[in-house]
Amino acid sequence: GNSLDNVTLIGMPGSGKSTVGVLLAKLLGY
């Protein structure tokens, strides 16, 4: 692909990056 239309979630272990990431992807259709 190409850049800039992605979103990256960073943070500590236990911050919920994976779960929030899945939920955000559903909201965006990503």
PDB file of all heavy atoms in Angstrom:
ATOM      1  N   GLY A   1       0.805  -1.216   0.000  1.00  0.00           N
ATOM      2  CA  GLY A   1       0.000   0.000   0.000  1.00  0.00           C
ATOM      3  C   GLY A   1       0.833   1.258   0.000  1.00  0.00           C
ATOM      4  O   GLY A   1       1.967   1.288  -0.439  1.00  0.00           O
ATOM      5  N   ASN A   2       0.219   2.322   0.520  1.00  0.00           N
ATOM      6  CA  ASN A   2       0.976   3.551   0.709  1.00  0.00           C
ATOM      7  C   ASN A   2       0.659   4.115   2.076  1.00  0.00           C
ATOM      8  O   ASN A   2      -0.067   3.521   2.846  1.00  0.00           O
ATOM      9  CB  ASN A   2       0.678   4.550  -0.413  1.00  0.00           C
ATOM     10  CG  ASN A   2      -0.816   4.775  -0.574  1.00  0.00           C
ATOM     11  OD1 ASN A   2      -1.587   4.639   0.367  1.00  0.00           O
ATOM     12  ND2 ASN A   2      -1.206   5.120  -1.778  1.00  0.00           N
ATOM     13  N   SER A   3       1.213   5.288   2.387  1.00  0.00           N
ATOM     14  CA  SER A   3       1.236   5.735   3.768  1.00  0.00           C
ATOM     15  C   SER A   3       0.160   6.764   4.074  1.00  0.00           C
ATOM     16  O   SER A   3      -0.555   7.233   3.202  1.00  0.00           O
ATOM     17  CB  SER A   3       2.617   6.321   4.087  1.00  0.00           C
ATOM     18  OG  SER A   3       2.874   7.421   3.245  1.00  0.00           O
ATOM     19  N   LEU A   4       0.050   7.105   5.326  1.00  0.00           N
ATOM     20  CA  LEU A   4      -0.716   8.214   5.871  1.00  0.00           C
ATOM     21  C   LEU A   4      -2.199   7.931   6.087  1.00  0.00           C
ATOM     22  O   LEU A   4      -2.857   8.699   6.775  1.00  0.00           O
ATOM     23  CB  LEU A   4      -0.550   9.478   5.013  1.00  0.00           C
ATOM     24  CG  LEU A   4       0.889   9.996   4.880  1.00  0.00           C
ATOM     25  CD1 LEU A   4       0.906  11.244   4.016  1.00  0.00           C
ATOM     26  CD2 LEU A   4       1.512  10.273   6.238  1.00  0.00           C
ATOM     27  N   ASP A   5      -2.747   6.863   5.536  1.00  0.00           N
ATOM     28  CA  ASP A   5      -4.146   6.587   5.805  1.00  0.00           C
ATOM     29  C   ASP A   5      -4.320   5.478   6.842  1.00  0.00           C
ATOM     30  O   ASP A   5      -5.406   4.936   7.011  1.00  0.00           O
ATOM     31  CB  ASP A   5      -4.906   6.254   4.511  1.00  0.00           C
ATOM     32  CG  ASP A   5      -4.357   5.052   3.771  1.00  0.00           C
ATOM     33  OD1 ASP A   5      -3.350   4.473   4.220  1.00  0.00           O
ATOM     34  OD2 ASP A   5      -4.936   4.689   2.736  1.00  0.00           O
ATOM     35  N   ASN A   6      -3.246   5.152   7.554  1.00  0.00           N
ATOM     36  CA  ASN A   6      -3.296   4.183   8.635  1.00  0.00           C
ATOM     37  C   ASN A   6      -3.363   4.904   9.980  1.00  0.00           C
ATOM     38  O   ASN A   6      -3.127   6.106  10.066  1.00  0.00           O
ATOM     39  CB  ASN A   6      -2.054   3.291   8.611  1.00  0.00           C
ATOM     40  CG  ASN A   6      -1.834   2.664   7.245  1.00  0.00           C
ATOM     41  OD1 ASN A   6      -2.531   1.743   6.851  1.00  0.00           O
ATOM     42  ND2 ASN A   6      -0.859   3.184   6.508  1.00  0.00           N
ATOM     43  N   VAL A   7      -3.674   4.158  11.030  1.00  0.00           N
ATOM     44  CA  VAL A   7      -3.646   4.675  12.392  1.00  0.00           C
ATOM     45  C   VAL A   7      -2.878   3.670  13.246  1.00  0.00           C
ATOM     46  O   VAL A   7      -3.146   2.462  13.181  1.00  0.00           O
ATOM     47  CB  VAL A   7      -5.060   4.852  12.983  1.00  0.00           C
ATOM     48  CG1 VAL A   7      -4.987   5.328  14.430  1.00  0.00           C
ATOM     49  CG2 VAL A   7      -5.871   5.823  12.138  1.00  0.00           C
ATOM     50  N   THR A   8      -1.924   4.155  14.035  1.00  0.00           N
ATOM     51  CA  THR A   8      -1.158   3.285  14.927  1.00  0.00           C
ATOM     52  C   THR A   8      -1.464   3.627  16.373  1.00  0.00           C
ATOM     53  O   THR A   8      -1.481   4.805  16.752  1.00  0.00           O
ATOM     54  CB  THR A   8       0.355   3.441  14.669  1.00  0.00           C
ATOM     55  OG1 THR A   8       0.654   3.000  13.335  1.00  0.00           O
ATOM     56  CG2 THR A   8       1.161   2.606  15.655  1.00  0.00           C
ATOM     57  N   LEU A   9      -1.690   2.589  17.186  1.00  0.00           N
ATOM     58  CA  LEU A   9      -1.913   2.754  18.620  1.00  0.00           C
ATOM     59  C   LEU A   9      -0.672   2.293  19.366  1.00  0.00           C
ATOM     60  O   LEU A   9      -0.207   1.170  19.168  1.00  0.00           O
ATOM     61  CB  LEU A   9      -3.121   1.923  19.076  1.00  0.00           C
ATOM     62  CG  LEU A   9      -4.447   2.198  18.373  1.00  0.00           C
ATOM     63  CD1 LEU A   9      -5.525   1.269  18.927  1.00  0.00           C
ATOM     64  CD2 LEU A   9      -4.860   3.651  18.519  1.00  0.00           C
ATOM     65  N   ILE A  10      -0.114   3.161  20.209  1.00  0.00           N
ATOM     66  CA  ILE A  10       1.044   2.785  21.018  1.00  0.00           C
ATOM     67  C   ILE A  10       0.678   2.921  22.490  1.00  0.00           C
ATOM     68  O   ILE A  10      -0.298   3.572  22.857  1.00  0.00           O
ATOM     69  CB  ILE A  10       2.290   3.639  20.685  1.00  0.00           C
ATOM     70  CG1 ILE A  10       2.024   5.132  20.965  1.00  0.00           C
ATOM     71  CG2 ILE A  10       2.723   3.425  19.243  1.00  0.00           C
ATOM     72  CD1 ILE A  10       3.267   6.014  20.811  1.00  0.00           C
ATOM     73  N   GLY A  11       1.488   2.297  23.331  1.00  0.00           N
ATOM     74  CA  GLY A  11       1.243   2.375  24.762  1.00  0.00           C
ATOM     75  C   GLY A  11       1.832   1.183  25.488  1.00  0.00           C
ATOM     76  O   GLY A  11       2.350   0.238  24.880  1.00  0.00           O
ATOM     77  N   MET A  12       1.726   1.214  26.788  1.00  0.00           N
ATOM     78  CA  MET A  12       2.292   0.192  27.652  1.00  0.00           C
ATOM     79  C   MET A  12       1.570  -1.145  27.508  1.00  0.00           C
ATOM     80  O   MET A  12       0.422  -1.205  27.059  1.00  0.00           O
ATOM     81  CB  MET A  12       2.206   0.657  29.104  1.00  0.00           C
ATOM     82  CG  MET A  12       3.226   1.706  29.479  1.00  0.00           C
ATOM     83  SD  MET A  12       4.888   0.993  29.668  1.00  0.00           S
ATOM     84  CE  MET A  12       4.703   0.016  31.176  1.00  0.00           C
ATOM     85  N   PRO A  13       2.231  -2.245  27.918  1.00  0.00           N
ATOM     86  CA  PRO A  13       1.516  -3.521  28.018  1.00  0.00           C
ATOM     87  C   PRO A  13       0.305  -3.358  28.936  1.00  0.00           C
ATOM     88  O   PRO A  13       0.402  -2.727  29.985  1.00  0.00           O
ATOM     89  CB  PRO A  13       2.554  -4.457  28.651  1.00  0.00           C
ATOM     90  CG  PRO A  13       3.874  -3.827  28.356  1.00  0.00           C
ATOM     91  CD  PRO A  13       3.637  -2.351  28.352  1.00  0.00           C
ATOM     92  N   GLY A  14      -0.824  -3.891  28.509  1.00  0.00           N
ATOM     93  CA  GLY A  14      -2.033  -3.762  29.304  1.00  0.00           C
ATOM     94  C   GLY A  14      -2.849  -2.525  29.002  1.00  0.00           C
ATOM     95  O   GLY A  14      -3.904  -2.313  29.611  1.00  0.00           O
ATOM     96  N   SER A  15      -2.412  -1.700  28.060  1.00  0.00           N
ATOM     97  CA  SER A  15      -3.145  -0.470  27.751  1.00  0.00           C
ATOM     98  C   SER A  15      -4.336  -0.707  26.838  1.00  0.00           C
ATOM     99  O   SER A  15      -5.151   0.194  26.630  1.00  0.00           O
ATOM    100  CB  SER A  15      -2.216   0.575  27.126  1.00  0.00           C
ATOM    101  OG  SER A  15      -1.653   0.097  25.914  1.00  0.00           O
ATOM    102  N   GLY A  16      -4.445  -1.922  26.277  1.00  0.00           N
ATOM    103  CA  GLY A  16      -5.602  -2.249  25.454  1.00  0.00           C
ATOM    104  C   GLY A  16      -5.427  -1.990  23.983  1.00  0.00           C
ATOM    105  O   GLY A  16      -6.419  -1.864  23.247  1.00  0.00           O
ATOM    106  N   LYS A  17      -4.186  -1.947  23.504  1.00  0.00           N
ATOM    107  CA  LYS A  17      -3.942  -1.600  22.100  1.00  0.00           C
ATOM    108  C   LYS A  17      -4.635  -2.563  21.135  1.00  0.00           C
ATOM    109  O   LYS A  17      -5.225  -2.135  20.140  1.00  0.00           O
ATOM    110  CB  LYS A  17      -2.436  -1.578  21.825  1.00  0.00           C
ATOM    111  CG  LYS A  17      -1.671  -0.523  22.619  1.00  0.00           C
ATOM    112  CD  LYS A  17      -0.208  -0.496  22.244  1.00  0.00           C
ATOM    113  CE  LYS A  17       0.554  -1.750  22.612  1.00  0.00           C
ATOM    114  NZ  LYS A  17       0.657  -1.957  24.084  1.00  0.00           N
ATOM    115  N   SER A  18      -4.545  -3.855  21.408  1.00  0.00           N
ATOM    116  CA  SER A  18      -5.133  -4.832  20.491  1.00  0.00           C
ATOM    117  C   SER A  18      -6.653  -4.745  20.475  1.00  0.00           C
ATOM    118  O   SER A  18      -7.281  -4.714  19.410  1.00  0.00           O
ATOM    119  CB  SER A  18      -4.694  -6.253  20.871  1.00  0.00           C
ATOM    120  OG  SER A  18      -3.339  -6.450  20.574  1.00  0.00           O
ATOM    121  N   THR A  19      -7.264  -4.717  21.659  1.00  0.00           N
ATOM    122  CA  THR A  19      -8.729  -4.686  21.721  1.00  0.00           C
ATOM    123  C   THR A  19      -9.269  -3.374  21.180  1.00  0.00           C
ATOM    124  O   THR A  19     -10.214  -3.356  20.375  1.00  0.00           O
ATOM    125  CB  THR A  19      -9.207  -4.905  23.166  1.00  0.00           C
ATOM    126  OG1 THR A  19      -8.650  -6.129  23.660  1.00  0.00           O
ATOM    127  CG2 THR A  19     -10.716  -4.983  23.224  1.00  0.00           C
ATOM    128  N   VAL A  20      -8.687  -2.267  21.605  1.00  0.00           N
ATOM    129  CA  VAL A  20      -9.117  -0.962  21.080  1.00  0.00           C
ATOM    130  C   VAL A  20      -8.857  -0.899  19.575  1.00  0.00           C
ATOM    131  O   VAL A  20      -9.658  -0.341  18.822  1.00  0.00           O
ATOM    132  CB  VAL A  20      -8.393   0.182  21.812  1.00  0.00           C
ATOM    133  CG1 VAL A  20      -8.706   1.530  21.166  1.00  0.00           C
ATOM    134  CG2 VAL A  20      -8.788   0.212  23.282  1.00  0.00           C
ATOM    135  N   GLY A  21      -7.752  -1.496  19.132  1.00  0.00           N
ATOM    136  CA  GLY A  21      -7.442  -1.496  17.709  1.00  0.00           C
ATOM    137  C   GLY A  21      -8.499  -2.196  16.877  1.00  0.00           C
ATOM    138  O   GLY A  21      -8.892  -1.721  15.811  1.00  0.00           O
ATOM    139  N   VAL A  22      -8.967  -3.363  17.346  1.00  0.00           N
ATOM    140  CA  VAL A  22     -10.017  -4.082  16.636  1.00  0.00           C
ATOM    141  C   VAL A  22     -11.297  -3.246  16.597  1.00  0.00           C
ATOM    142  O   VAL A  22     -11.956  -3.122  15.562  1.00  0.00           O
ATOM    143  CB  VAL A  22     -10.277  -5.452  17.295  1.00  0.00           C
ATOM    144  CG1 VAL A  22     -11.547  -6.089  16.740  1.00  0.00           C
ATOM    145  CG2 VAL A  22      -9.095  -6.386  17.078  1.00  0.00           C
ATOM    146  N   LEU A  23     -11.654  -2.654  17.734  1.00  0.00           N
ATOM    147  CA  LEU A  23     -12.874  -1.834  17.800  1.00  0.00           C
ATOM    148  C   LEU A  23     -12.772  -0.607  16.896  1.00  0.00           C
ATOM    149  O   LEU A  23     -13.736  -0.238  16.211  1.00  0.00           O
ATOM    150  CB  LEU A  23     -13.133  -1.418  19.247  1.00  0.00           C
ATOM    151  CG  LEU A  23     -13.449  -2.562  20.220  1.00  0.00           C
ATOM    152  CD1 LEU A  23     -13.435  -2.058  21.654  1.00  0.00           C
ATOM    153  CD2 LEU A  23     -14.789  -3.190  19.885  1.00  0.00           C
ATOM    154  N   LEU A  24     -11.603   0.029  16.887  1.00  0.00           N
ATOM    155  CA  LEU A  24     -11.403   1.196  16.030  1.00  0.00           C
ATOM    156  C   LEU A  24     -11.458   0.805  14.560  1.00  0.00           C
ATOM    157  O   LEU A  24     -12.027   1.528  13.733  1.00  0.00           O
ATOM    158  CB  LEU A  24     -10.068   1.863  16.363  1.00  0.00           C
ATOM    159  CG  LEU A  24      -9.721   3.128  15.578  1.00  0.00           C
ATOM    160  CD1 LEU A  24     -10.737   4.233  15.852  1.00  0.00           C
ATOM    161  CD2 LEU A  24      -8.307   3.609  15.947  1.00  0.00           C
ATOM    162  N   ALA A  25     -10.870  -0.347  14.222  1.00  0.00           N
ATOM    163  CA  ALA A  25     -10.907  -0.819  12.837  1.00  0.00           C
ATOM    164  C   ALA A  25     -12.348  -1.039  12.379  1.00  0.00           C
ATOM    165  O   ALA A  25     -12.712  -0.729  11.245  1.00  0.00           O
ATOM    166  CB  ALA A  25     -10.101  -2.111  12.702  1.00  0.00           C
ATOM    167  N   LYS A  26     -13.182  -1.552  13.260  1.00  0.00           N
ATOM    168  CA  LYS A  26     -14.596  -1.741  12.909  1.00  0.00           C
ATOM    169  C   LYS A  26     -15.286  -0.403  12.682  1.00  0.00           C
ATOM    170  O   LYS A  26     -16.094  -0.255  11.754  1.00  0.00           O
ATOM    171  CB  LYS A  26     -15.293  -2.525  14.015  1.00  0.00           C
ATOM    172  CG  LYS A  26     -14.876  -3.988  14.093  1.00  0.00           C
ATOM    173  CD  LYS A  26     -15.585  -4.701  15.227  1.00  0.00           C
ATOM    174  CE  LYS A  26     -15.192  -6.167  15.272  1.00  0.00           C
ATOM    175  NZ  LYS A  26     -15.853  -6.895  16.379  1.00  0.00           N
ATOM    176  N   LEU A  27     -14.971   0.576  13.528  1.00  0.00           N
ATOM    177  CA  LEU A  27     -15.579   1.905  13.356  1.00  0.00           C
ATOM    178  C   LEU A  27     -15.177   2.541  12.029  1.00  0.00           C
ATOM    179  O   LEU A  27     -15.972   3.251  11.406  1.00  0.00           O
ATOM    180  CB  LEU A  27     -15.169   2.814  14.515  1.00  0.00           C
ATOM    181  CG  LEU A  27     -15.748   2.502  15.898  1.00  0.00           C
ATOM    182  CD1 LEU A  27     -15.106   3.385  16.960  1.00  0.00           C
ATOM    183  CD2 LEU A  27     -17.263   2.685  15.905  1.00  0.00           C
ATOM    184  N   LEU A  28     -13.949   2.298  11.604  1.00  0.00           N
ATOM    185  CA  LEU A  28     -13.420   2.916  10.389  1.00  0.00           C
ATOM    186  C   LEU A  28     -13.661   2.081   9.131  1.00  0.00           C
ATOM    187  O   LEU A  28     -13.481   2.587   8.019  1.00  0.00           O
ATOM    188  CB  LEU A  28     -11.909   3.143  10.546  1.00  0.00           C
ATOM    189  CG  LEU A  28     -11.462   4.200  11.554  1.00  0.00           C
ATOM    190  CD1 LEU A  28      -9.958   4.108  11.789  1.00  0.00           C
ATOM    191  CD2 LEU A  28     -11.832   5.593  11.051  1.00  0.00           C
ATOM    192  N   GLY A  29     -14.035   0.811   9.293  1.00  0.00           N
ATOM    193  CA  GLY A  29     -14.079  -0.081   8.140  1.00  0.00           C
ATOM    194  C   GLY A  29     -12.690  -0.434   7.650  1.00  0.00           C
ATOM    195  O   GLY A  29     -12.462  -0.631   6.454  1.00  0.00           O
ATOM    196  N   TYR A  30     -11.741  -0.507   8.596  1.00  0.00           N
ATOM    197  CA  TYR A  30     -10.333  -0.763   8.298  1.00  0.00           C
ATOM    198  C   TYR A  30      -9.965  -2.223   8.577  1.00  0.00           C
ATOM    199  O   TYR A  30     -10.713  -2.961   9.223  1.00  0.00           O
ATOM    200  CB  TYR A  30      -9.459   0.135   9.178  1.00  0.00           C
ATOM    201  CG  TYR A  30      -9.071   1.468   8.574  1.00  0.00           C
ATOM    202  CD1 TYR A  30      -9.840   2.084   7.595  1.00  0.00           C
ATOM    203  CD2 TYR A  30      -7.923   2.119   9.009  1.00  0.00           C
ATOM    204  CE1 TYR A  30      -9.473   3.305   7.058  1.00  0.00           C
ATOM    205  CE2 TYR A  30      -7.545   3.343   8.476  1.00  0.00           C
ATOM    206  CZ  TYR A  30      -8.320   3.932   7.502  1.00  0.00           C
ATOM    207  OH  TYR A  30      -7.949   5.131   6.969  1.00  0.00           O
TER     208      TYR A  30
END
